Amino acid sequence: MPKLFEYMGIIVLFYSNEHEPVHVHGKYGRRESRAELIIKNGQVVDIIYLAVSGRRPLEGPQLADFKTLIEHRAEEIVKKWVDYFVLHKKIEPKRITRKIR
């Protein structure tokens, strides 16, 4: 399960057995949410945030931070998806230590 980012205590990752649509999971403690990136003509046009079955979803500041990260890094997430699932490249995680505004 490749980790993409660490941000404000949230781990953003792919599970190794993922499927389309392009999406990531955000974990904070025992909570977890999912962000699906909707792509049209090669561009991210929308992001849908969902609960993960069997897990309590992110909420409050953690959900807000997760959304901010995904919105600012959406194109990078798509590139990492292609690198990992299509090109079978190793993903290097990034630790983001400054608050994204």
PDB file of N, CA and C in Angstrom:
ATOM      1  N   MET A   1       0.841  -1.163   0.000  1.00  0.00           N
ATOM      2  CA  MET A   1       0.000   0.000   0.000  1.00  0.00           C
ATOM      3  C   MET A   1       0.889   1.229   0.000  1.00  0.00           C
ATOM      4  N   PRO A   2       1.041   1.836  -1.163  1.00  0.00           N
ATOM      5  CA  PRO A   2       1.938   2.990  -1.246  1.00  0.00           C
ATOM      6  C   PRO A   2       1.348   4.238  -0.584  1.00  0.00           C
ATOM      7  N   LYS A   3       2.160   4.813   0.269  1.00  0.00           N
ATOM      8  CA  LYS A   3       1.792   6.074   0.915  1.00  0.00           C
ATOM      9  C   LYS A   3       2.209   7.205  -0.014  1.00  0.00           C
ATOM     10  N   LEU A   4       1.307   8.168  -0.213  1.00  0.00           N
ATOM     11  CA  LEU A   4       1.594   9.304  -1.075  1.00  0.00           C
ATOM     12  C   LEU A   4       2.052  10.515  -0.278  1.00  0.00           C
ATOM     13  N   PHE A   5       1.276  10.825   0.777  1.00  0.00           N
ATOM     14  CA  PHE A   5       1.534  12.024   1.563  1.00  0.00           C
ATOM     15  C   PHE A   5       1.300  11.766   3.047  1.00  0.00           C
ATOM     16  N   GLU A   6       2.018  12.529   3.848  1.00  0.00           N
ATOM     17  CA  GLU A   6       1.701  12.717   5.262  1.00  0.00           C
ATOM     18  C   GLU A   6       1.452  14.206   5.419  1.00  0.00           C
ATOM     19  N   TYR A   7       0.275  14.537   5.954  1.00  0.00           N
ATOM     20  CA  TYR A   7      -0.085  15.948   6.078  1.00  0.00           C
ATOM     21  C   TYR A   7      -0.954  16.142   7.311  1.00  0.00           C
ATOM     22  N   MET A   8      -0.482  16.915   8.243  1.00  0.00           N
ATOM     23  CA  MET A   8      -1.230  17.264   9.449  1.00  0.00           C
ATOM     24  C   MET A   8      -1.740  16.004  10.172  1.00  0.00           C
ATOM     25  N   GLY A   9      -0.934  14.966  10.201  1.00  0.00           N
ATOM     26  CA  GLY A   9      -1.300  13.717  10.865  1.00  0.00           C
ATOM     27  C   GLY A   9      -2.120  12.771  10.010  1.00  0.00           C
ATOM     28  N   ILE A  10      -2.472  13.182   8.812  1.00  0.00           N
ATOM     29  CA  ILE A  10      -3.272  12.352   7.909  1.00  0.00           C
ATOM     30  C   ILE A  10      -2.323  11.619   6.958  1.00  0.00           C
ATOM     31  N   ILE A  11      -2.556  10.327   6.797  1.00  0.00           N
ATOM     32  CA  ILE A  11      -1.814   9.526   5.830  1.00  0.00           C
ATOM     33  C   ILE A  11      -2.704   9.367   4.599  1.00  0.00           C
ATOM     34  N   VAL A  12      -2.178   9.738   3.440  1.00  0.00           N
ATOM     35  CA  VAL A  12      -2.915   9.608   2.180  1.00  0.00           C
ATOM     36  C   VAL A  12      -2.233   8.516   1.372  1.00  0.00           C
ATOM     37  N   LEU A  13      -3.029   7.530   0.916  1.00  0.00           N
ATOM     38  CA  LEU A  13      -2.431   6.354   0.297  1.00  0.00           C
ATOM     39  C   LEU A  13      -3.350   5.726  -0.737  1.00  0.00           C
ATOM     40  N   PHE A  14      -2.745   4.835  -1.525  1.00  0.00           N
ATOM     41  CA  PHE A  14      -3.477   3.911  -2.383  1.00  0.00           C
ATOM     42  C   PHE A  14      -3.406   2.555  -1.695  1.00  0.00           C
ATOM     43  N   TYR A  15      -4.426   1.743  -1.841  1.00  0.00           N
ATOM     44  CA  TYR A  15      -4.295   0.334  -1.511  1.00  0.00           C
ATOM     45  C   TYR A  15      -3.786  -0.357  -2.762  1.00  0.00           C
ATOM     46  N   SER A  16      -2.950  -1.368  -2.603  1.00  0.00           N
ATOM     47  CA  SER A  16      -2.285  -2.004  -3.746  1.00  0.00           C
ATOM     48  C   SER A  16      -3.236  -2.706  -4.702  1.00  0.00           C
ATOM     49  N   ASN A  17      -4.418  -3.055  -4.255  1.00  0.00           N
ATOM     50  CA  ASN A  17      -5.365  -3.758  -5.120  1.00  0.00           C
ATOM     51  C   ASN A  17      -6.479  -2.825  -5.610  1.00  0.00           C
ATOM     52  N   GLU A  18      -6.161  -1.567  -5.824  1.00  0.00           N
ATOM     53  CA  GLU A  18      -7.162  -0.562  -6.181  1.00  0.00           C
ATOM     54  C   GLU A  18      -7.743  -0.772  -7.569  1.00  0.00           C
ATOM     55  N   HIS A  19      -8.769  -0.050  -7.850  1.00  0.00           N
ATOM     56  CA  HIS A  19      -9.515  -0.106  -9.104  1.00  0.00           C
ATOM     57  C   HIS A  19      -9.900   1.321  -9.463  1.00  0.00           C
ATOM     58  N   GLU A  20     -10.290   1.521 -10.699  1.00  0.00           N
ATOM     59  CA  GLU A  20     -10.764   2.848 -11.092  1.00  0.00           C
ATOM     60  C   GLU A  20     -12.150   3.075 -10.521  1.00  0.00           C
ATOM     61  N   PRO A  21     -12.584   4.286 -10.315  1.00  0.00           N
ATOM     62  CA  PRO A  21     -11.945   5.539 -10.701  1.00  0.00           C
ATOM     63  C   PRO A  21     -10.729   5.847  -9.821  1.00  0.00           C
ATOM     64  N   VAL A  22      -9.892   6.753 -10.316  1.00  0.00           N
ATOM     65  CA  VAL A  22      -8.725   7.187  -9.551  1.00  0.00           C
ATOM     66  C   VAL A  22      -9.211   7.712  -8.203  1.00  0.00           C
ATOM     67  N   HIS A  23      -8.643   7.187  -7.133  1.00  0.00           N
ATOM     68  CA  HIS A  23      -9.029   7.646  -5.800  1.00  0.00           C
ATOM     69  C   HIS A  23      -7.915   7.375  -4.803  1.00  0.00           C
ATOM     70  N   VAL A  24      -7.989   8.084  -3.685  1.00  0.00           N
ATOM     71  CA  VAL A  24      -7.042   7.900  -2.584  1.00  0.00           C
ATOM     72  C   VAL A  24      -7.833   7.747  -1.294  1.00  0.00           C
ATOM     73  N   HIS A  25      -7.155   7.199  -0.307  1.00  0.00           N
ATOM     74  CA  HIS A  25      -7.721   7.063   1.021  1.00  0.00           C
ATOM     75  C   HIS A  25      -6.957   7.987   1.964  1.00  0.00           C
ATOM     76  N   GLY A  26      -7.672   8.617   2.861  1.00  0.00           N
ATOM     77  CA  GLY A  26      -7.072   9.447   3.899  1.00  0.00           C
ATOM     78  C   GLY A  26      -7.355   8.812   5.243  1.00  0.00           C
ATOM     79  N   LYS A  27      -6.287   8.537   6.007  1.00  0.00           N
ATOM     80  CA  LYS A  27      -6.443   7.881   7.305  1.00  0.00           C
ATOM     81  C   LYS A  27      -5.906   8.784   8.404  1.00  0.00           C
ATOM     82  N   TYR A  28      -6.665   8.833   9.479  1.00  0.00           N
ATOM     83  CA  TYR A  28      -6.234   9.569  10.665  1.00  0.00           C
ATOM     84  C   TYR A  28      -6.706   8.744  11.858  1.00  0.00           C
ATOM     85  N   GLY A  29      -5.763   8.126  12.548  1.00  0.00           N
ATOM     86  CA  GLY A  29      -6.144   7.217  13.618  1.00  0.00           C
ATOM     87  C   GLY A  29      -6.963   6.072  13.043  1.00  0.00           C
ATOM     88  N   ARG A  30      -8.128   5.844  13.619  1.00  0.00           N
ATOM     89  CA  ARG A  30      -9.008   4.773  13.119  1.00  0.00           C
ATOM     90  C   ARG A  30     -10.053   5.266  12.132  1.00  0.00           C
ATOM     91  N   ARG A  31      -9.966   6.509  11.760  1.00  0.00           N
ATOM     92  CA  ARG A  31     -10.917   7.089  10.808  1.00  0.00           C
ATOM     93  C   ARG A  31     -10.325   7.036   9.396  1.00  0.00           C
ATOM     94  N   GLU A  32     -11.226   6.928   8.416  1.00  0.00           N
ATOM     95  CA  GLU A  32     -10.763   6.848   7.030  1.00  0.00           C
ATOM     96  C   GLU A  32     -11.856   7.359   6.095  1.00  0.00           C
ATOM     97  N   SER A  33     -11.440   8.154   5.129  1.00  0.00           N
ATOM     98  CA  SER A  33     -12.329   8.626   4.074  1.00  0.00           C
ATOM     99  C   SER A  33     -11.641   8.403   2.738  1.00  0.00           C
ATOM    100  N   ARG A  34     -12.414   8.565   1.694  1.00  0.00           N
ATOM    101  CA  ARG A  34     -11.922   8.320   0.343  1.00  0.00           C
ATOM    102  C   ARG A  34     -12.247   9.536  -0.525  1.00  0.00           C
ATOM    103  N   ALA A  35     -11.349   9.853  -1.441  1.00  0.00           N
ATOM    104  CA  ALA A  35     -11.566  10.943  -2.387  1.00  0.00           C
ATOM    105  C   ALA A  35     -11.437  10.376  -3.795  1.00  0.00           C
ATOM    106  N   GLU A  36     -12.528  10.455  -4.573  1.00  0.00           N
ATOM    107  CA  GLU A  36     -12.518  10.022  -5.967  1.00  0.00           C
ATOM    108  C   GLU A  36     -12.289  11.236  -6.852  1.00  0.00           C
ATOM    109  N   LEU A  37     -11.339  11.122  -7.763  1.00  0.00           N
ATOM    110  CA  LEU A  37     -11.034  12.207  -8.685  1.00  0.00           C
ATOM    111  C   LEU A  37     -11.726  11.925 -10.010  1.00  0.00           C
ATOM    112  N   ILE A  38     -12.603  12.818 -10.415  1.00  0.00           N
ATOM    113  CA  ILE A  38     -13.340  12.672 -11.658  1.00  0.00           C
ATOM    114  C   ILE A  38     -12.545  13.372 -12.756  1.00  0.00           C
ATOM    115  N   ILE A  39     -12.190  12.611 -13.782  1.00  0.00           N
ATOM    116  CA  ILE A  39     -11.309  13.108 -14.832  1.00  0.00           C
ATOM    117  C   ILE A  39     -12.056  13.108 -16.161  1.00  0.00           C
ATOM    118  N   LYS A  40     -12.003  14.249 -16.850  1.00  0.00           N
ATOM    119  CA  LYS A  40     -12.570  14.370 -18.200  1.00  0.00           C
ATOM    120  C   LYS A  40     -11.537  15.048 -19.081  1.00  0.00           C
ATOM    121  N   ASN A  41     -11.289  14.450 -20.236  1.00  0.00           N
ATOM    122  CA  ASN A  41     -10.312  14.993 -21.189  1.00  0.00           C
ATOM    123  C   ASN A  41      -8.961  15.257 -20.529  1.00  0.00           C
ATOM    124  N   GLY A  42      -8.553  14.348 -19.637  1.00  0.00           N
ATOM    125  CA  GLY A  42      -7.245  14.446 -19.006  1.00  0.00           C
ATOM    126  C   GLY A  42      -7.137  15.444 -17.872  1.00  0.00           C
ATOM    127  N   GLN A  43      -8.247  16.065 -17.465  1.00  0.00           N
ATOM    128  CA  GLN A  43      -8.231  17.069 -16.394  1.00  0.00           C
ATOM    129  C   GLN A  43      -9.129  16.627 -15.247  1.00  0.00           C
ATOM    130  N   VAL A  44      -8.709  16.919 -14.033  1.00  0.00           N
ATOM    131  CA  VAL A  44      -9.556  16.658 -12.869  1.00  0.00           C
ATOM    132  C   VAL A  44     -10.642  17.736 -12.865  1.00  0.00           C
ATOM    133  N   VAL A  45     -11.896  17.307 -12.971  1.00  0.00           N
ATOM    134  CA  VAL A  45     -13.003  18.256 -13.034  1.00  0.00           C
ATOM    135  C   VAL A  45     -13.849  18.258 -11.765  1.00  0.00           C
ATOM    136  N   ASP A  46     -13.691  17.239 -10.935  1.00  0.00           N
ATOM    137  CA  ASP A  46     -14.458  17.174  -9.692  1.00  0.00           C
ATOM    138  C   ASP A  46     -13.781  16.196  -8.754  1.00  0.00           C
ATOM    139  N   ILE A  47     -14.080  16.355  -7.477  1.00  0.00           N
ATOM    140  CA  ILE A  47     -13.590  15.435  -6.450  1.00  0.00           C
ATOM    141  C   ILE A  47     -14.783  15.092  -5.573  1.00  0.00           C
ATOM    142  N   ILE A  48     -15.000  13.801  -5.376  1.00  0.00           N
ATOM    143  CA  ILE A  48     -16.108  13.329  -4.546  1.00  0.00           C
ATOM    144  C   ILE A  48     -15.523  12.671  -3.304  1.00  0.00           C
ATOM    145  N   TYR A  49     -15.983  13.113  -2.141  1.00  0.00           N
ATOM    146  CA  TYR A  49     -15.500  12.584  -0.866  1.00  0.00           C
ATOM    147  C   TYR A  49     -16.524  11.598  -0.324  1.00  0.00           C
ATOM    148  N   LEU A  50     -16.041  10.417   0.050  1.00  0.00           N
ATOM    149  CA  LEU A  50     -16.921   9.326   0.467  1.00  0.00           C
ATOM    150  C   LEU A  50     -16.430   8.682   1.758  1.00  0.00           C
ATOM    151  N   ALA A  51     -17.358   8.077   2.471  1.00  0.00           N
ATOM    152  CA  ALA A  51     -16.997   7.246   3.625  1.00  0.00           C
ATOM    153  C   ALA A  51     -16.460   5.918   3.100  1.00  0.00           C
ATOM    154  N   VAL A  52     -15.699   5.235   3.924  1.00  0.00           N
ATOM    155  CA  VAL A  52     -15.165   3.916   3.600  1.00  0.00           C
ATOM    156  C   VAL A  52     -15.950   2.899   4.422  1.00  0.00           C
ATOM    157  N   SER A  53     -16.451   1.896   3.770  1.00  0.00           N
ATOM    158  CA  SER A  53     -17.256   0.873   4.433  1.00  0.00           C
ATOM    159  C   SER A  53     -16.526   0.285   5.639  1.00  0.00           C
ATOM    160  N   GLY A  54     -17.214   0.252   6.758  1.00  0.00           N
ATOM    161  CA  GLY A  54     -16.642  -0.337   7.963  1.00  0.00           C
ATOM    162  C   GLY A  54     -15.741   0.582   8.765  1.00  0.00           C
ATOM    163  N   ARG A  55     -15.575   1.808   8.334  1.00  0.00           N
ATOM    164  CA  ARG A  55     -14.720   2.787   9.024  1.00  0.00           C
ATOM    165  C   ARG A  55     -15.510   4.038   9.340  1.00  0.00           C
ATOM    166  N   ARG A  56     -15.162   4.663  10.431  1.00  0.00           N
ATOM    167  CA  ARG A  56     -15.729   5.985  10.707  1.00  0.00           C
ATOM    168  C   ARG A  56     -15.012   6.985   9.822  1.00  0.00           C
ATOM    169  N   PRO A  57     -15.759   7.898   9.188  1.00  0.00           N
ATOM    170  CA  PRO A  57     -15.125   8.851   8.268  1.00  0.00           C
ATOM    171  C   PRO A  57     -14.358   9.947   9.006  1.00  0.00           C
ATOM    172  N   LEU A  58     -13.442  10.552   8.285  1.00  0.00           N
ATOM    173  CA  LEU A  58     -12.779  11.745   8.805  1.00  0.00           C
ATOM    174  C   LEU A  58     -13.841  12.802   9.043  1.00  0.00           C
ATOM    175  N   GLU A  59     -13.581  13.663  10.013  1.00  0.00           N
ATOM    176  CA  GLU A  59     -14.511  14.752  10.279  1.00  0.00           C
ATOM    177  C   GLU A  59     -13.747  15.951  10.817  1.00  0.00           C
ATOM    178  N   GLY A  60     -14.431  17.059  10.916  1.00  0.00           N
ATOM    179  CA  GLY A  60     -13.857  18.273  11.486  1.00  0.00           C
ATOM    180  C   GLY A  60     -12.593  18.711  10.784  1.00  0.00           C
ATOM    181  N   PRO A  61     -11.582  19.097  11.576  1.00  0.00           N
ATOM    182  CA  PRO A  61     -10.347  19.628  10.978  1.00  0.00           C
ATOM    183  C   PRO A  61      -9.616  18.619  10.088  1.00  0.00           C
ATOM    184  N   GLN A  62      -9.689  17.336  10.439  1.00  0.00           N
ATOM    185  CA  GLN A  62      -9.005  16.334   9.621  1.00  0.00           C
ATOM    186  C   GLN A  62      -9.662  16.209   8.246  1.00  0.00           C
ATOM    187  N   LEU A  63     -10.985  16.249   8.188  1.00  0.00           N
ATOM    188  CA  LEU A  63     -11.660  16.204   6.893  1.00  0.00           C
ATOM    189  C   LEU A  63     -11.334  17.457   6.086  1.00  0.00           C
ATOM    190  N   ALA A  64     -11.333  18.602   6.730  1.00  0.00           N
ATOM    191  CA  ALA A  64     -10.994  19.852   6.038  1.00  0.00           C
ATOM    192  C   ALA A  64      -9.566  19.800   5.496  1.00  0.00           C
ATOM    193  N   ASP A  65      -8.617  19.310   6.300  1.00  0.00           N
ATOM    194  CA  ASP A  65      -7.223  19.204   5.848  1.00  0.00           C
ATOM    195  C   ASP A  65      -7.090  18.201   4.697  1.00  0.00           C
ATOM    196  N   PHE A  66      -7.800  17.086   4.783  1.00  0.00           N
ATOM    197  CA  PHE A  66      -7.789  16.082   3.712  1.00  0.00           C
ATOM    198  C   PHE A  66      -8.289  16.711   2.410  1.00  0.00           C
ATOM    199  N   LYS A  67      -9.407  17.403   2.471  1.00  0.00           N
ATOM    200  CA  LYS A  67      -9.965  18.044   1.282  1.00  0.00           C
ATOM    201  C   LYS A  67      -9.005  19.080   0.700  1.00  0.00           C
ATOM    202  N   THR A  68      -8.407  19.880   1.549  1.00  0.00           N
ATOM    203  CA  THR A  68      -7.455  20.893   1.082  1.00  0.00           C
ATOM    204  C   THR A  68      -6.281  20.244   0.359  1.00  0.00           C
ATOM    205  N   LEU A  69      -5.729  19.203   0.957  1.00  0.00           N
ATOM    206  CA  LEU A  69      -4.594  18.510   0.339  1.00  0.00           C
ATOM    207  C   LEU A  69      -4.987  17.930  -1.016  1.00  0.00           C
ATOM    208  N   ILE A  70      -6.106  17.244  -1.072  1.00  0.00           N
ATOM    209  CA  ILE A  70      -6.522  16.611  -2.324  1.00  0.00           C
ATOM    210  C   ILE A  70      -6.767  17.668  -3.403  1.00  0.00           C
ATOM    211  N   GLU A  71      -7.429  18.746  -3.052  1.00  0.00           N
ATOM    212  CA  GLU A  71      -7.711  19.792  -4.036  1.00  0.00           C
ATOM    213  C   GLU A  71      -6.434  20.431  -4.576  1.00  0.00           C
ATOM    214  N   HIS A  72      -5.434  20.602  -3.719  1.00  0.00           N
ATOM    215  CA  HIS A  72      -4.176  21.225  -4.152  1.00  0.00           C
ATOM    216  C   HIS A  72      -3.235  20.252  -4.860  1.00  0.00           C
ATOM    217  N   ARG A  73      -3.406  18.965  -4.630  1.00  0.00           N
ATOM    218  CA  ARG A  73      -2.484  17.969  -5.200  1.00  0.00           C
ATOM    219  C   ARG A  73      -3.169  16.995  -6.156  1.00  0.00           C
ATOM    220  N   ALA A  74      -4.347  17.326  -6.653  1.00  0.00           N
ATOM    221  CA  ALA A  74      -5.124  16.402  -7.485  1.00  0.00           C
ATOM    222  C   ALA A  74      -4.351  15.918  -8.710  1.00  0.00           C
ATOM    223  N   GLU A  75      -3.735  16.829  -9.441  1.00  0.00           N
ATOM    224  CA  GLU A  75      -2.997  16.436 -10.650  1.00  0.00           C
ATOM    225  C   GLU A  75      -1.820  15.526 -10.302  1.00  0.00           C
ATOM    226  N   GLU A  76      -1.154  15.812  -9.202  1.00  0.00           N
ATOM    227  CA  GLU A  76      -0.043  14.977  -8.753  1.00  0.00           C
ATOM    228  C   GLU A  76      -0.535  13.582  -8.368  1.00  0.00           C
ATOM    229  N   ILE A  77      -1.708  13.500  -7.755  1.00  0.00           N
ATOM    230  CA  ILE A  77      -2.292  12.202  -7.390  1.00  0.00           C
ATOM    231  C   ILE A  77      -2.567  11.381  -8.642  1.00  0.00           C
ATOM    232  N   VAL A  78      -3.111  11.996  -9.668  1.00  0.00           N
ATOM    233  CA  VAL A  78      -3.378  11.285 -10.922  1.00  0.00           C
ATOM    234  C   VAL A  78      -2.074  10.761 -11.512  1.00  0.00           C
ATOM    235  N   LYS A  79      -1.045  11.591 -11.507  1.00  0.00           N
ATOM    236  CA  LYS A  79       0.264  11.154 -12.031  1.00  0.00           C
ATOM    237  C   LYS A  79       0.793   9.970 -11.232  1.00  0.00           C
ATOM    238  N   LYS A  80       0.679  10.032  -9.897  1.00  0.00           N
ATOM    239  CA  LYS A  80       1.149   8.927  -9.061  1.00  0.00           C
ATOM    240  C   LYS A  80       0.327   7.659  -9.317  1.00  0.00           C
ATOM    241  N   TRP A  81      -0.977   7.802  -9.576  1.00  0.00           N
ATOM    242  CA  TRP A  81      -1.821   6.648  -9.900  1.00  0.00           C
ATOM    243  C   TRP A  81      -1.296   5.963 -11.170  1.00  0.00           C
ATOM    244  N   VAL A  82      -1.043   6.769 -12.206  1.00  0.00           N
ATOM    245  CA  VAL A  82      -0.531   6.217 -13.458  1.00  0.00           C
ATOM    246  C   VAL A  82       0.839   5.587 -13.230  1.00  0.00           C
ATOM    247  N   ASP A  83       1.722   6.278 -12.520  1.00  0.00           N
ATOM    248  CA  ASP A  83       3.049   5.733 -12.239  1.00  0.00           C
ATOM    249  C   ASP A  83       2.953   4.381 -11.543  1.00  0.00           C
ATOM    250  N   TYR A  84       2.096   4.278 -10.537  1.00  0.00           N
ATOM    251  CA  TYR A  84       2.037   3.058  -9.730  1.00  0.00           C
ATOM    252  C   TYR A  84       1.260   1.935 -10.417  1.00  0.00           C
ATOM    253  N   PHE A  85       0.042   2.227 -10.868  1.00  0.00           N
ATOM    254  CA  PHE A  85      -0.825   1.164 -11.369  1.00  0.00           C
ATOM    255  C   PHE A  85      -0.611   0.845 -12.847  1.00  0.00           C
ATOM    256  N   VAL A  86      -0.137   1.791 -13.639  1.00  0.00           N
ATOM    257  CA  VAL A  86       0.060   1.552 -15.066  1.00  0.00           C
ATOM    258  C   VAL A  86       1.526   1.267 -15.376  1.00  0.00           C
ATOM    259  N   LEU A  87       2.405   2.128 -14.877  1.00  0.00           N
ATOM    260  CA  LEU A  87       3.831   1.993 -15.195  1.00  0.00           C
ATOM    261  C   LEU A  87       4.604   1.164 -14.166  1.00  0.00           C
ATOM    262  N   HIS A  88       3.952   0.797 -13.071  1.00  0.00           N
ATOM    263  CA  HIS A  88       4.534  -0.047 -12.010  1.00  0.00           C
ATOM    264  C   HIS A  88       5.818   0.540 -11.422  1.00  0.00           C
ATOM    265  N   LYS A  89       5.784   1.861 -11.230  1.00  0.00           N
ATOM    266  CA  LYS A  89       6.913   2.552 -10.603  1.00  0.00           C
ATOM    267  C   LYS A  89       6.685   2.635  -9.097  1.00  0.00           C
ATOM    268  N   LYS A  90       7.783   2.737  -8.377  1.00  0.00           N
ATOM    269  CA  LYS A  90       7.714   2.929  -6.937  1.00  0.00           C
ATOM    270  C   LYS A  90       7.306   4.379  -6.642  1.00  0.00           C
ATOM    271  N   ILE A  91       6.483   4.550  -5.628  1.00  0.00           N
ATOM    272  CA  ILE A  91       6.018   5.879  -5.228  1.00  0.00           C
ATOM    273  C   ILE A  91       6.786   6.318  -3.983  1.00  0.00           C
ATOM    274  N   GLU A  92       7.352   7.510  -4.035  1.00  0.00           N
ATOM    275  CA  GLU A  92       8.036   8.075  -2.880  1.00  0.00           C
ATOM    276  C   GLU A  92       7.071   8.987  -2.130  1.00  0.00           C
ATOM    277  N   PRO A  93       6.843   8.722  -0.854  1.00  0.00           N
ATOM    278  CA  PRO A  93       5.917   9.574  -0.102  1.00  0.00           C
ATOM    279  C   PRO A  93       6.513  10.948   0.178  1.00  0.00           C
ATOM    280  N   LYS A  94       5.617  11.920   0.312  1.00  0.00           N
ATOM    281  CA  LYS A  94       6.029  13.278   0.652  1.00  0.00           C
ATOM    282  C   LYS A  94       5.442  13.642   2.006  1.00  0.00           C
ATOM    283  N   ARG A  95       6.254  14.212   2.858  1.00  0.00           N
ATOM    284  CA  ARG A  95       5.770  14.753   4.124  1.00  0.00           C
ATOM    285  C   ARG A  95       5.610  16.254   3.940  1.00  0.00           C
ATOM    286  N   ILE A  96       4.412  16.730   4.133  1.00  0.00           N
ATOM    287  CA  ILE A  96       4.133  18.157   3.992  1.00  0.00           C
ATOM    288  C   ILE A  96       3.980  18.722   5.394  1.00  0.00           C
ATOM    289  N   THR A  97       4.901  19.609   5.759  1.00  0.00           N
ATOM    290  CA  THR A  97       4.954  20.097   7.133  1.00  0.00           C
ATOM    291  C   THR A  97       4.353  21.482   7.318  1.00  0.00           C
ATOM    292  N   ARG A  98       4.052  22.151   6.222  1.00  0.00           N
ATOM    293  CA  ARG A  98       3.430  23.483   6.322  1.00  0.00           C
ATOM    294  C   ARG A  98       1.968  23.397   5.935  1.00  0.00           C
ATOM    295  N   LYS A  99       1.166  24.138   6.640  1.00  0.00           N
ATOM    296  CA  LYS A  99      -0.271  24.176   6.365  1.00  0.00           C
ATOM    297  C   LYS A  99      -0.509  24.731   4.964  1.00  0.00           C
ATOM    298  N   ILE A 100      -1.317  24.024   4.178  1.00  0.00           N
ATOM    299  CA  ILE A 100      -1.686  24.483   2.840  1.00  0.00           C
ATOM    300  C   ILE A 100      -2.793  25.499   2.977  1.00  0.00           C
ATOM    301  N   ARG A 101      -2.660  26.618   2.328  1.00  0.00           N
ATOM    302  CA  ARG A 101      -3.680  27.685   2.392  1.00  0.00           C
ATOM    303  C   ARG A 101      -4.335  27.863   1.049  1.00  0.00           C
TER     304      ARG A 101
END
